Amino acid sequence: MKDIKELLDFGLINIDKPAGPTSFSVSEFVCRKLGLSKTSHMGTLDPKVTGVLPITLGRACKLAGYFIKHDKSYVGVLETHKVCDIVELQKLIDENFVGKIRQTPPHRSAVKREERIREVFFWKLLEASDNGKSFLFECRVEGGTYIRKLCSDLGDMIGGGHMASLRRIEAGIFSEEIGGSREVRGGRWRLVSLYEFETAVEAWKNGDDSLLRRMVVPAEEAIREVLPVVEVDKSALKSLYIGRPLLARNVVSRGDGLQVTGNGYKIKEDEVFALFCGDVFVGTYKRIGGDALFGRAEFVKN
């Protein structure tokens, strides 16, 4: 069993962000409570928006970029300035806001305001209010898509409309639900309220780390979910830990047993993969071409 400090220095927590604080302030709160040097959140939520906000802890912040780009799902309420028919409104959405779309970030955003292409996988109106001006919706979008901007752009087409409320229910591998094999892992993937988190931290400081352990996902466990896994021979570890490139002769197989080269699965050039030696996470590497070299390190855990 890992020491709790080692777990906190290289782990993630799936926080349920409440309405009010910024994503940054929630991350700083977690950092301060755990006494860490650094934390980071994966995907900014507006202060009024609630839901899934994964927080990387300690050295796991170096891996945040591999998680943050993945798709996200939301439920929310769209309010229109005039009465709308839900069938006609859905038709308008399907024709203009599903698939590859062009979107300019809103004025209050952390990124440069320039048009970019994002994908909306679906945006479904689930039900309408009695007055025909409020619509409950669910959507799934590519990371970096602004839901508030989707609602305001739709509003521009129908004489006015805006996002009244929003909750993120899924961010990449993290969600409100615990499903499949993740349940077997002790429930560490579940959504944790700030109250539950504070309670667990207080218990830890009083000598009982069991609650906190059940909340923290080891980073090496999470990285297996988002990157291809390659196995390396134990004899190569010493050179890898001092930053030398991964040699093709030291590659054993892909994590599921398939051969990395030959007739099996082949890691593509420039593809990033997670390198393991058994259960030991070595780091993340980018595939490079050539017969002798296999990959160069992007991050090495040593």
C-alpha atoms as a PDB file:
ATOM      1  CA  MET A   1       0.000   0.000   0.000  1.00  0.00           C
ATOM      2  CA  LYS A   2       1.282   3.444  -0.941  1.00  0.00           C
ATOM      3  CA  ASP A   3       2.201   5.927   1.738  1.00  0.00           C
ATOM      4  CA  ILE A   4      -0.561   8.563   1.892  1.00  0.00           C
ATOM      5  CA  LYS A   5       1.879  11.410   1.222  1.00  0.00           C
ATOM      6  CA  GLU A   6       3.134   9.649  -1.900  1.00  0.00           C
ATOM      7  CA  LEU A   7      -0.458   9.181  -3.038  1.00  0.00           C
ATOM      8  CA  LEU A   8      -1.263  12.863  -2.456  1.00  0.00           C
ATOM      9  CA  ASP A   9       1.848  13.944  -4.341  1.00  0.00           C
ATOM     10  CA  PHE A  10       0.859  12.010  -7.475  1.00  0.00           C
ATOM     11  CA  GLY A  11      -2.909  11.673  -7.587  1.00  0.00           C
ATOM     12  CA  LEU A  12      -6.225  13.190  -8.647  1.00  0.00           C
ATOM     13  CA  ILE A  13      -9.503  13.955  -6.882  1.00  0.00           C
ATOM     14  CA  ASN A  14     -12.865  14.230  -8.640  1.00  0.00           C
ATOM     15  CA  ILE A  15     -14.317  17.322  -6.912  1.00  0.00           C
ATOM     16  CA  ASP A  16     -17.970  18.375  -7.167  1.00  0.00           C
ATOM     17  CA  LYS A  17     -17.611  22.122  -7.654  1.00  0.00           C
ATOM     18  CA  PRO A  18     -20.392  24.151  -5.996  1.00  0.00           C
ATOM     19  CA  ALA A  19     -21.851  27.382  -7.362  1.00  0.00           C
ATOM     20  CA  GLY A  20     -19.989  30.478  -6.194  1.00  0.00           C
ATOM     21  CA  PRO A  21     -16.229  29.919  -6.096  1.00  0.00           C
ATOM     22  CA  THR A  22     -14.028  29.955  -9.187  1.00  0.00           C
ATOM     23  CA  SER A  23     -12.371  26.764 -10.395  1.00  0.00           C
ATOM     24  CA  PHE A  24      -9.014  28.273  -9.408  1.00  0.00           C
ATOM     25  CA  SER A  25     -10.167  28.973  -5.853  1.00  0.00           C
ATOM     26  CA  VAL A  26     -11.441  25.390  -5.469  1.00  0.00           C
ATOM     27  CA  SER A  27      -8.059  24.102  -6.638  1.00  0.00           C
ATOM     28  CA  GLU A  28      -6.259  26.434  -4.203  1.00  0.00           C
ATOM     29  CA  PHE A  29      -8.556  25.296  -1.379  1.00  0.00           C
ATOM     30  CA  VAL A  30      -7.623  21.647  -2.022  1.00  0.00           C
ATOM     31  CA  CYS A  31      -3.947  22.603  -2.231  1.00  0.00           C
ATOM     32  CA  ARG A  32      -4.016  24.483   1.064  1.00  0.00           C
ATOM     33  CA  LYS A  33      -5.950  21.814   2.946  1.00  0.00           C
ATOM     34  CA  LEU A  34      -3.564  19.057   1.837  1.00  0.00           C
ATOM     35  CA  GLY A  35      -0.447  21.154   2.403  1.00  0.00           C
ATOM     36  CA  LEU A  36       0.783  20.604  -1.164  1.00  0.00           C
ATOM     37  CA  SER A  37       3.070  22.821  -3.191  1.00  0.00           C
ATOM     38  CA  LYS A  38       0.823  22.690  -6.247  1.00  0.00           C
ATOM     39  CA  THR A  39      -2.568  21.596  -7.563  1.00  0.00           C
ATOM     40  CA  SER A  40      -4.361  22.334 -10.829  1.00  0.00           C
ATOM     41  CA  HIS A  41      -7.890  21.909 -12.119  1.00  0.00           C
ATOM     42  CA  MET A  42      -8.769  20.279 -15.415  1.00  0.00           C
ATOM     43  CA  GLY A  43     -11.206  22.503 -17.301  1.00  0.00           C
ATOM     44  CA  THR A  44     -12.435  25.879 -16.040  1.00  0.00           C
ATOM     45  CA  LEU A  45     -16.040  26.196 -14.892  1.00  0.00           C
ATOM     46  CA  ASP A  46     -17.677  29.604 -14.484  1.00  0.00           C
ATOM     47  CA  PRO A  47     -18.342  30.534 -10.828  1.00  0.00           C
ATOM     48  CA  LYS A  48     -22.089  29.833 -11.178  1.00  0.00           C
ATOM     49  CA  VAL A  49     -21.537  26.471 -12.922  1.00  0.00           C
ATOM     50  CA  THR A  50     -21.393  23.305 -10.811  1.00  0.00           C
ATOM     51  CA  GLY A  51     -20.234  19.738 -11.255  1.00  0.00           C
ATOM     52  CA  VAL A  52     -17.237  17.626 -12.192  1.00  0.00           C
ATOM     53  CA  LEU A  53     -13.927  19.412 -11.592  1.00  0.00           C
ATOM     54  CA  PRO A  54     -10.999  16.970 -11.447  1.00  0.00           C
ATOM     55  CA  ILE A  55      -8.038  18.292  -9.459  1.00  0.00           C
ATOM     56  CA  THR A  56      -4.496  17.071 -10.069  1.00  0.00           C
ATOM     57  CA  LEU A  57      -2.247  16.893  -7.000  1.00  0.00           C
ATOM     58  CA  GLY A  58       1.471  17.606  -6.716  1.00  0.00           C
ATOM     59  CA  ARG A  59       3.566  16.126  -9.502  1.00  0.00           C
ATOM     60  CA  ALA A  60       0.412  14.860 -11.226  1.00  0.00           C
ATOM     61  CA  CYS A  61      -0.079  18.451 -12.424  1.00  0.00           C
ATOM     62  CA  LYS A  62       2.523  17.605 -15.090  1.00  0.00           C
ATOM     63  CA  LEU A  63       0.003  15.130 -16.546  1.00  0.00           C
ATOM     64  CA  ALA A  64      -3.013  17.467 -16.575  1.00  0.00           C
ATOM     65  CA  GLY A  65      -2.658  18.182 -20.281  1.00  0.00           C
ATOM     66  CA  TYR A  66      -3.333  14.543 -21.142  1.00  0.00           C
ATOM     67  CA  PHE A  67      -6.687  14.632 -19.334  1.00  0.00           C
ATOM     68  CA  ILE A  68      -7.994  18.141 -19.991  1.00  0.00           C
ATOM     69  CA  LYS A  69      -8.441  17.810 -23.776  1.00  0.00           C
ATOM     70  CA  HIS A  70     -11.055  15.072 -23.598  1.00  0.00           C
ATOM     71  CA  ASP A  71     -14.791  15.432 -24.277  1.00  0.00           C
ATOM     72  CA  LYS A  72     -17.171  16.890 -21.716  1.00  0.00           C
ATOM     73  CA  SER A  73     -20.900  16.479 -20.996  1.00  0.00           C
ATOM     74  CA  TYR A  74     -23.327  18.929 -19.416  1.00  0.00           C
ATOM     75  CA  VAL A  75     -26.936  19.388 -18.362  1.00  0.00           C
ATOM     76  CA  GLY A  76     -28.391  22.866 -18.194  1.00  0.00           C
ATOM     77  CA  VAL A  77     -31.291  25.212 -18.761  1.00  0.00           C
ATOM     78  CA  LEU A  78     -31.703  27.425 -21.824  1.00  0.00           C
ATOM     79  CA  GLU A  79     -33.986  30.442 -21.445  1.00  0.00           C
ATOM     80  CA  THR A  80     -35.424  32.143 -24.514  1.00  0.00           C
ATOM     81  CA  HIS A  81     -36.779  35.683 -24.628  1.00  0.00           C
ATOM     82  CA  LYS A  82     -39.917  34.617 -26.432  1.00  0.00           C
ATOM     83  CA  VAL A  83     -42.092  31.518 -26.554  1.00  0.00           C
ATOM     84  CA  CYS A  84     -40.517  28.735 -28.648  1.00  0.00           C
ATOM     85  CA  ASP A  85     -41.710  25.342 -29.812  1.00  0.00           C
ATOM     86  CA  ILE A  86     -39.337  22.632 -28.587  1.00  0.00           C
ATOM     87  CA  VAL A  87     -39.527  20.668 -31.856  1.00  0.00           C
ATOM     88  CA  GLU A  88     -38.705  23.693 -34.001  1.00  0.00           C
ATOM     89  CA  LEU A  89     -35.978  24.792 -31.609  1.00  0.00           C
ATOM     90  CA  GLN A  90     -34.378  21.325 -31.693  1.00  0.00           C
ATOM     91  CA  LYS A  91     -34.443  21.384 -35.484  1.00  0.00           C
ATOM     92  CA  LEU A  92     -32.614  24.720 -35.450  1.00  0.00           C
ATOM     93  CA  ILE A  93     -30.010  23.316 -33.066  1.00  0.00           C
ATOM     94  CA  ASP A  94     -29.455  20.184 -35.161  1.00  0.00           C
ATOM     95  CA  GLU A  95     -28.986  22.222 -38.327  1.00  0.00           C
ATOM     96  CA  ASN A  96     -26.628  24.845 -36.886  1.00  0.00           C
ATOM     97  CA  PHE A  97     -24.992  23.650 -33.661  1.00  0.00           C
ATOM     98  CA  VAL A  98     -24.256  19.928 -34.000  1.00  0.00           C
ATOM     99  CA  GLY A  99     -21.097  18.543 -35.607  1.00  0.00           C
ATOM    100  CA  LYS A 100     -18.082  20.707 -36.425  1.00  0.00           C
ATOM    101  CA  ILE A 101     -18.905  24.330 -35.602  1.00  0.00           C
ATOM    102  CA  ARG A 102     -17.009  27.623 -35.535  1.00  0.00           C
ATOM    103  CA  GLN A 103     -16.985  29.365 -32.179  1.00  0.00           C
ATOM    104  CA  THR A 104     -15.385  32.542 -30.833  1.00  0.00           C
ATOM    105  CA  PRO A 105     -14.764  32.440 -27.050  1.00  0.00           C
ATOM    106  CA  PRO A 106     -16.820  34.921 -24.988  1.00  0.00           C
ATOM    107  CA  HIS A 107     -15.322  38.225 -23.825  1.00  0.00           C
ATOM    108  CA  ARG A 108     -14.731  36.880 -20.330  1.00  0.00           C
ATOM    109  CA  SER A 109     -12.571  33.873 -21.100  1.00  0.00           C
ATOM    110  CA  ALA A 110      -9.060  32.701 -20.297  1.00  0.00           C
ATOM    111  CA  VAL A 111      -8.096  32.195 -23.944  1.00  0.00           C
ATOM    112  CA  LYS A 112      -7.478  34.471 -26.907  1.00  0.00           C
ATOM    113  CA  ARG A 113     -10.679  35.600 -28.609  1.00  0.00           C
ATOM    114  CA  GLU A 114     -10.241  34.122 -32.056  1.00  0.00           C
ATOM    115  CA  GLU A 115     -12.540  31.877 -34.030  1.00  0.00           C
ATOM    116  CA  ARG A 116     -11.827  28.161 -33.713  1.00  0.00           C
ATOM    117  CA  ILE A 117     -13.436  24.903 -34.721  1.00  0.00           C
ATOM    118  CA  ARG A 118     -15.005  22.693 -32.064  1.00  0.00           C
ATOM    119  CA  GLU A 119     -17.238  19.624 -32.276  1.00  0.00           C
ATOM    120  CA  VAL A 120     -20.662  19.304 -30.663  1.00  0.00           C
ATOM    121  CA  PHE A 121     -21.520  15.603 -30.562  1.00  0.00           C
ATOM    122  CA  PHE A 122     -25.112  16.213 -29.505  1.00  0.00           C
ATOM    123  CA  TRP A 123     -27.273  18.932 -27.977  1.00  0.00           C
ATOM    124  CA  LYS A 124     -30.691  17.626 -27.015  1.00  0.00           C
ATOM    125  CA  LEU A 125     -33.610  19.543 -25.546  1.00  0.00           C
ATOM    126  CA  LEU A 126     -35.140  17.219 -22.957  1.00  0.00           C
ATOM    127  CA  GLU A 127     -38.256  19.143 -21.912  1.00  0.00           C
ATOM    128  CA  ALA A 128     -39.859  22.576 -21.990  1.00  0.00           C
ATOM    129  CA  SER A 129     -41.469  24.635 -19.246  1.00  0.00           C
ATOM    130  CA  ASP A 130     -45.170  25.412 -19.318  1.00  0.00           C
ATOM    131  CA  ASN A 131     -44.503  28.956 -20.530  1.00  0.00           C
ATOM    132  CA  GLY A 132     -42.377  27.728 -23.460  1.00  0.00           C
ATOM    133  CA  LYS A 133     -39.378  29.845 -22.502  1.00  0.00           C
ATOM    134  CA  SER A 134     -37.225  27.476 -20.445  1.00  0.00           C
ATOM    135  CA  PHE A 135     -35.688  24.288 -21.845  1.00  0.00           C
ATOM    136  CA  LEU A 136     -33.798  21.583 -20.007  1.00  0.00           C
ATOM    137  CA  PHE A 137     -30.974  20.260 -22.186  1.00  0.00           C
ATOM    138  CA  GLU A 138     -28.095  17.809 -22.251  1.00  0.00           C
ATOM    139  CA  CYS A 139     -25.039  18.074 -24.483  1.00  0.00           C
ATOM    140  CA  ARG A 140     -21.708  16.434 -25.161  1.00  0.00           C
ATOM    141  CA  VAL A 141     -18.932  18.524 -26.678  1.00  0.00           C
ATOM    142  CA  GLU A 142     -15.255  18.591 -27.496  1.00  0.00           C
ATOM    143  CA  GLY A 143     -13.051  20.039 -24.766  1.00  0.00           C
ATOM    144  CA  GLY A 144     -12.758  23.822 -25.044  1.00  0.00           C
ATOM    145  CA  THR A 145     -16.350  24.372 -26.235  1.00  0.00           C
ATOM    146  CA  TYR A 146     -18.221  27.162 -24.441  1.00  0.00           C
ATOM    147  CA  ILE A 147     -21.802  26.154 -23.616  1.00  0.00           C
ATOM    148  CA  ARG A 148     -22.785  29.677 -22.605  1.00  0.00           C
ATOM    149  CA  LYS A 149     -21.673  30.877 -26.045  1.00  0.00           C
ATOM    150  CA  LEU A 150     -23.669  28.104 -27.749  1.00  0.00           C
ATOM    151  CA  CYS A 151     -26.783  29.323 -25.945  1.00  0.00           C
ATOM    152  CA  SER A 152     -26.178  32.996 -26.741  1.00  0.00           C
ATOM    153  CA  ASP A 153     -25.413  32.229 -30.405  1.00  0.00           C
ATOM    154  CA  LEU A 154     -28.674  30.294 -30.615  1.00  0.00           C
ATOM    155  CA  GLY A 155     -30.397  33.216 -28.920  1.00  0.00           C
ATOM    156  CA  ASP A 156     -29.117  35.545 -31.631  1.00  0.00           C
ATOM    157  CA  MET A 157     -30.977  33.426 -34.199  1.00  0.00           C
ATOM    158  CA  ILE A 158     -34.320  33.376 -32.376  1.00  0.00           C
ATOM    159  CA  GLY A 159     -34.663  36.892 -30.969  1.00  0.00           C
ATOM    160  CA  GLY A 160     -32.827  36.385 -27.690  1.00  0.00           C
ATOM    161  CA  GLY A 161     -31.769  33.583 -25.379  1.00  0.00           C
ATOM    162  CA  HIS A 162     -29.189  32.691 -22.762  1.00  0.00           C
ATOM    163  CA  MET A 163     -27.919  29.908 -20.524  1.00  0.00           C
ATOM    164  CA  ALA A 164     -29.730  30.067 -17.184  1.00  0.00           C
ATOM    165  CA  SER A 165     -27.859  27.286 -15.380  1.00  0.00           C
ATOM    166  CA  LEU A 166     -25.302  24.586 -16.120  1.00  0.00           C
ATOM    167  CA  ARG A 167     -23.807  21.518 -14.507  1.00  0.00           C
ATOM    168  CA  ARG A 168     -20.903  19.473 -15.862  1.00  0.00           C
ATOM    169  CA  ILE A 169     -21.657  15.780 -15.472  1.00  0.00           C
ATOM    170  CA  GLU A 170     -18.598  14.371 -17.227  1.00  0.00           C
ATOM    171  CA  ALA A 171     -15.045  15.521 -17.994  1.00  0.00           C
ATOM    172  CA  GLY A 172     -13.058  12.914 -19.879  1.00  0.00           C
ATOM    173  CA  ILE A 173     -12.643   9.846 -17.653  1.00  0.00           C
ATOM    174  CA  PHE A 174     -14.290  11.558 -14.663  1.00  0.00           C
ATOM    175  CA  SER A 175     -18.051  11.772 -14.197  1.00  0.00           C
ATOM    176  CA  GLU A 176     -20.892  11.847 -11.693  1.00  0.00           C
ATOM    177  CA  GLU A 177     -21.330   8.114 -12.166  1.00  0.00           C
ATOM    178  CA  ILE A 178     -19.139   5.236 -11.074  1.00  0.00           C
ATOM    179  CA  GLY A 179     -19.380   2.556 -13.704  1.00  0.00           C
ATOM    180  CA  GLY A 180     -17.917  -0.728 -14.830  1.00  0.00           C
ATOM    181  CA  SER A 181     -14.535  -1.768 -13.493  1.00  0.00           C
ATOM    182  CA  ARG A 182     -14.030   1.533 -11.702  1.00  0.00           C
ATOM    183  CA  GLU A 183     -16.445   0.458  -8.967  1.00  0.00           C
ATOM    184  CA  VAL A 184     -14.060  -2.351  -8.068  1.00  0.00           C
ATOM    185  CA  ARG A 185     -11.312   0.177  -7.389  1.00  0.00           C
ATOM    186  CA  GLY A 186     -12.794   1.274  -4.092  1.00  0.00           C
ATOM    187  CA  GLY A 187     -14.950   4.129  -5.355  1.00  0.00           C
ATOM    188  CA  ARG A 188     -11.998   6.506  -5.796  1.00  0.00           C
ATOM    189  CA  TRP A 189     -13.448   7.796  -9.058  1.00  0.00           C
ATOM    190  CA  ARG A 190     -16.636   9.037  -7.425  1.00  0.00           C
ATOM    191  CA  LEU A 191     -17.586  12.704  -7.218  1.00  0.00           C
ATOM    192  CA  VAL A 192     -16.564  14.261  -3.892  1.00  0.00           C
ATOM    193  CA  SER A 193     -18.207  17.329  -2.353  1.00  0.00           C
ATOM    194  CA  LEU A 194     -16.042  19.925  -0.615  1.00  0.00           C
ATOM    195  CA  TYR A 195     -17.720  18.991   2.672  1.00  0.00           C
ATOM    196  CA  GLU A 196     -16.770  15.331   2.212  1.00  0.00           C
ATOM    197  CA  PHE A 197     -13.252  16.383   1.270  1.00  0.00           C
ATOM    198  CA  GLU A 198     -12.876  18.578   4.374  1.00  0.00           C
ATOM    199  CA  THR A 199     -14.189  15.778   6.579  1.00  0.00           C
ATOM    200  CA  ALA A 200     -11.669  13.334   5.112  1.00  0.00           C
ATOM    201  CA  VAL A 201      -8.787  15.787   5.570  1.00  0.00           C
ATOM    202  CA  GLU A 202      -9.713  16.381   9.213  1.00  0.00           C
ATOM    203  CA  ALA A 203      -9.823  12.621   9.838  1.00  0.00           C
ATOM    204  CA  TRP A 204      -6.410  12.246   8.142  1.00  0.00           C
ATOM    205  CA  LYS A 205      -4.891  14.946  10.336  1.00  0.00           C
ATOM    206  CA  ASN A 206      -6.261  13.076  13.339  1.00  0.00           C
ATOM    207  CA  GLY A 207      -4.590   9.844  12.279  1.00  0.00           C
ATOM    208  CA  ASP A 208      -7.192   8.158  10.061  1.00  0.00           C
ATOM    209  CA  ASP A 209      -6.402   8.370   6.322  1.00  0.00           C
ATOM    210  CA  SER A 210      -8.989   5.801   5.177  1.00  0.00           C
ATOM    211  CA  LEU A 211     -11.550   8.347   3.924  1.00  0.00           C
ATOM    212  CA  LEU A 212      -8.955  10.357   2.041  1.00  0.00           C
ATOM    213  CA  ARG A 213      -7.443   7.246   0.457  1.00  0.00           C
ATOM    214  CA  ARG A 214     -10.829   6.342  -0.991  1.00  0.00           C
ATOM    215  CA  MET A 215     -11.058   9.745  -2.698  1.00  0.00           C
ATOM    216  CA  VAL A 216      -7.658   9.908  -4.391  1.00  0.00           C
ATOM    217  CA  VAL A 217      -7.094   8.248  -7.770  1.00  0.00           C
ATOM    218  CA  PRO A 218      -3.414   7.326  -8.278  1.00  0.00           C
ATOM    219  CA  ALA A 219      -2.162   9.232 -11.320  1.00  0.00           C
ATOM    220  CA  GLU A 220      -0.620   6.099 -12.829  1.00  0.00           C
ATOM    221  CA  GLU A 221      -4.039   4.439 -12.676  1.00  0.00           C
ATOM    222  CA  ALA A 222      -5.697   7.392 -14.402  1.00  0.00           C
ATOM    223  CA  ILE A 223      -3.074   7.724 -17.144  1.00  0.00           C
ATOM    224  CA  ARG A 224      -3.811   4.150 -18.257  1.00  0.00           C
ATOM    225  CA  GLU A 225      -7.322   5.332 -19.126  1.00  0.00           C
ATOM    226  CA  VAL A 226      -6.267   8.079 -21.548  1.00  0.00           C
ATOM    227  CA  LEU A 227      -3.030   6.927 -23.200  1.00  0.00           C
ATOM    228  CA  PRO A 228      -1.851   3.736 -24.918  1.00  0.00           C
ATOM    229  CA  VAL A 229       0.323   1.694 -22.576  1.00  0.00           C
ATOM    230  CA  VAL A 230       3.693   0.260 -23.561  1.00  0.00           C
ATOM    231  CA  GLU A 231       5.666  -2.205 -21.418  1.00  0.00           C
ATOM    232  CA  VAL A 232       9.429  -1.851 -21.059  1.00  0.00           C
ATOM    233  CA  ASP A 233      12.085  -4.287 -19.934  1.00  0.00           C
ATOM    234  CA  LYS A 234      13.308  -3.777 -16.356  1.00  0.00           C
ATOM    235  CA  SER A 235      16.917  -3.585 -17.516  1.00  0.00           C
ATOM    236  CA  ALA A 236      16.218  -0.230 -19.218  1.00  0.00           C
ATOM    237  CA  LEU A 237      14.930   1.596 -16.132  1.00  0.00           C
ATOM    238  CA  LYS A 238      18.247   3.027 -14.963  1.00  0.00           C
ATOM    239  CA  SER A 239      18.916   4.802 -18.269  1.00  0.00           C
ATOM    240  CA  LEU A 240      15.294   5.937 -18.630  1.00  0.00           C
ATOM    241  CA  TYR A 241      15.307   7.532 -15.183  1.00  0.00           C
ATOM    242  CA  ILE A 242      18.204   9.800 -16.178  1.00  0.00           C
ATOM    243  CA  GLY A 243      16.347  10.987 -19.267  1.00  0.00           C
ATOM    244  CA  ARG A 244      17.769   8.816 -22.001  1.00  0.00           C
ATOM    245  CA  PRO A 245      15.466   7.881 -24.917  1.00  0.00           C
ATOM    246  CA  LEU A 246      13.568   4.593 -25.031  1.00  0.00           C
ATOM    247  CA  LEU A 247      15.290   2.046 -27.258  1.00  0.00           C
ATOM    248  CA  ALA A 248      13.255  -0.259 -29.460  1.00  0.00           C
ATOM    249  CA  ARG A 249      15.069  -3.340 -28.131  1.00  0.00           C
ATOM    250  CA  ASN A 250      13.804  -2.597 -24.595  1.00  0.00           C
ATOM    251  CA  VAL A 251      10.117  -2.503 -25.567  1.00  0.00           C
ATOM    252  CA  VAL A 252       8.337  -5.674 -24.462  1.00  0.00           C
ATOM    253  CA  SER A 253       4.726  -5.199 -25.566  1.00  0.00           C
ATOM    254  CA  ARG A 254       1.697  -3.013 -25.332  1.00  0.00           C
ATOM    255  CA  GLY A 255      -0.006  -3.119 -21.958  1.00  0.00           C
ATOM    256  CA  ASP A 256      -2.746  -5.508 -23.099  1.00  0.00           C
ATOM    257  CA  GLY A 257      -0.191  -8.010 -24.391  1.00  0.00           C
ATOM    258  CA  LEU A 258      -0.356  -7.119 -28.069  1.00  0.00           C
ATOM    259  CA  GLN A 259       2.959  -6.660 -29.794  1.00  0.00           C
ATOM    260  CA  VAL A 260       3.817  -3.012 -30.382  1.00  0.00           C
ATOM    261  CA  THR A 261       5.405  -3.684 -33.749  1.00  0.00           C
ATOM    262  CA  GLY A 262       5.064  -6.368 -36.382  1.00  0.00           C
ATOM    263  CA  ASN A 263       1.570  -7.722 -37.023  1.00  0.00           C
ATOM    264  CA  GLY A 264       0.126  -6.368 -33.803  1.00  0.00           C
ATOM    265  CA  TYR A 265      -0.717  -2.849 -32.642  1.00  0.00           C
ATOM    266  CA  LYS A 266       1.738  -0.215 -33.806  1.00  0.00           C
ATOM    267  CA  ILE A 267       2.281   3.037 -31.938  1.00  0.00           C
ATOM    268  CA  LYS A 268       2.175   5.764 -34.573  1.00  0.00           C
ATOM    269  CA  GLU A 269       4.938   8.316 -35.008  1.00  0.00           C
ATOM    270  CA  ASP A 270       4.425  11.359 -32.719  1.00  0.00           C
ATOM    271  CA  GLU A 271       1.784   9.465 -30.712  1.00  0.00           C
ATOM    272  CA  VAL A 272       2.159   9.877 -26.952  1.00  0.00           C
ATOM    273  CA  PHE A 273       2.038   6.761 -24.781  1.00  0.00           C
ATOM    274  CA  ALA A 274       2.439   5.806 -21.122  1.00  0.00           C
ATOM    275  CA  LEU A 275       5.444   3.651 -20.333  1.00  0.00           C
ATOM    276  CA  PHE A 276       5.199   1.019 -17.597  1.00  0.00           C
ATOM    277  CA  CYS A 277       7.418  -1.703 -16.219  1.00  0.00           C
ATOM    278  CA  GLY A 278       4.844  -4.057 -14.743  1.00  0.00           C
ATOM    279  CA  ASP A 279       2.864  -1.922 -12.269  1.00  0.00           C
ATOM    280  CA  VAL A 280       5.558   0.761 -12.115  1.00  0.00           C
ATOM    281  CA  PHE A 281       4.790   3.927 -14.092  1.00  0.00           C
ATOM    282  CA  VAL A 282       7.959   5.186 -15.789  1.00  0.00           C
ATOM    283  CA  GLY A 283       6.629   8.237 -17.650  1.00  0.00           C
ATOM    284  CA  THR A 284       5.027   9.533 -20.815  1.00  0.00           C
ATOM    285  CA  TYR A 285       6.855   9.301 -24.115  1.00  0.00           C
ATOM    286  CA  LYS A 286       6.378  10.411 -27.707  1.00  0.00           C
ATOM    287  CA  ARG A 287       6.959   7.853 -30.459  1.00  0.00           C
ATOM    288  CA  ILE A 288       9.791   8.715 -32.811  1.00  0.00           C
ATOM    289  CA  GLY A 289      10.693   7.066 -36.086  1.00  0.00           C
ATOM    290  CA  GLY A 290      13.698   4.824 -36.626  1.00  0.00           C
ATOM    291  CA  ASP A 291      14.715   1.250 -36.012  1.00  0.00           C
ATOM    292  CA  ALA A 292      16.883   1.770 -32.938  1.00  0.00           C
ATOM    293  CA  LEU A 293      15.000   4.501 -31.040  1.00  0.00           C
ATOM    294  CA  PHE A 294      11.368   4.065 -30.028  1.00  0.00           C
ATOM    295  CA  GLY A 295      10.452   7.169 -28.039  1.00  0.00           C
ATOM    296  CA  ARG A 296      11.628  10.307 -26.248  1.00  0.00           C
ATOM    297  CA  ALA A 297      10.477  11.311 -22.779  1.00  0.00           C
ATOM    298  CA  GLU A 298       7.898  14.037 -22.208  1.00  0.00           C
ATOM    299  CA  PHE A 299       7.640  13.322 -18.458  1.00  0.00           C
ATOM    300  CA  VAL A 300       9.621  10.882 -16.321  1.00  0.00           C
ATOM    301  CA  LYS A 301       8.520   9.938 -12.807  1.00  0.00           C
ATOM    302  CA  ASN A 302      11.639   9.306 -10.787  1.00  0.00           C
END
